Protein backbone atom coordinates (compact mmCIF):
# COMPACT_ATOMS: atom_id res chain seq x y z
CA MET A 1 0.00 0.00 -0.01
CA ASN A 2 1.45 3.35 -0.97
CA LYS A 3 1.05 6.66 0.81
CA THR A 4 -1.78 7.85 -1.44
CA GLU A 5 -3.84 4.73 -0.79
CA LEU A 6 -3.19 5.00 2.92
CA VAL A 7 -4.29 8.65 3.02
CA GLU A 8 -7.43 7.86 0.98
CA ARG A 9 -8.42 5.01 3.29
CA PHE A 10 -7.74 7.02 6.40
CA THR A 11 -9.76 9.95 5.04
CA ALA A 12 -12.68 7.60 4.40
CA ILE A 13 -12.49 6.43 8.02
CA THR A 14 -12.31 9.94 9.46
CA ASN A 15 -15.29 11.01 7.36
CA LYS A 16 -17.34 8.43 9.23
CA ARG A 17 -16.62 10.15 12.55
CA GLU A 18 -19.58 12.43 12.02
CA TYR A 19 -21.84 9.36 11.92
CA LEU A 20 -20.69 8.39 15.42
CA VAL A 21 -21.32 11.93 16.67
CA LYS A 22 -24.85 11.88 15.25
CA LEU A 23 -25.47 8.44 16.70
CA LEU A 24 -24.41 9.72 20.12
CA GLU A 25 -27.24 12.27 19.98
CA LYS A 26 -29.87 9.50 20.02
CA PRO A 27 -31.63 9.29 23.40
CA ASN A 28 -32.17 5.52 23.59
CA LEU A 29 -28.64 4.17 23.42
CA GLY A 30 -28.30 2.93 26.97
CA ALA A 31 -24.98 1.22 27.61
CA LEU A 32 -24.02 1.54 23.94
CA ARG A 33 -23.34 5.21 24.62
CA LEU A 34 -20.15 4.23 26.48
CA ASP A 35 -18.92 2.25 23.48
CA ILE A 36 -19.60 5.11 21.10
CA ASN A 37 -17.80 7.56 23.38
CA GLN A 38 -14.83 5.18 23.53
CA ALA A 39 -14.81 4.80 19.75
CA LEU A 40 -14.81 8.57 19.30
CA GLU A 41 -11.96 9.02 21.77
CA GLU A 42 -9.86 6.37 20.05
CA LEU A 43 -10.65 7.75 16.60
CA ASP A 44 -9.62 11.23 17.71
CA GLU A 45 -6.33 9.85 19.04
CA LEU A 46 -5.76 8.00 15.77
CA ILE A 47 -6.45 11.15 13.75
CA GLU A 48 -4.02 13.10 15.91
CA GLU A 49 -1.30 10.49 15.47
CA PHE A 50 -1.90 10.29 11.73
CA GLU A 51 -1.58 14.03 11.39
CA GLN A 52 1.70 13.94 13.29
CA VAL A 53 3.07 11.32 10.91
CA PHE A 54 1.66 13.00 7.78
CA PRO A 55 1.45 16.69 8.72
CA ASP A 56 0.97 17.77 5.10
CA GLU A 57 -2.19 15.66 4.62
CA LYS A 58 -5.68 16.90 5.39
CA THR A 59 -7.95 14.26 6.93
CA SER A 60 -11.10 16.28 7.54
């Protein structure tokens, strides 16, 4: 996998972050809310690390 493919795949993943945020707004999630919060935290950390490795690439 080359850098371009990696950036494209990562951008596709980061674009799905908004879906998690919208899902978190639903009132009837129960315990699933914890899992969504955890997923968002981990995704944010991954985005931060990716941007440190590839500072010239825009992911959002």
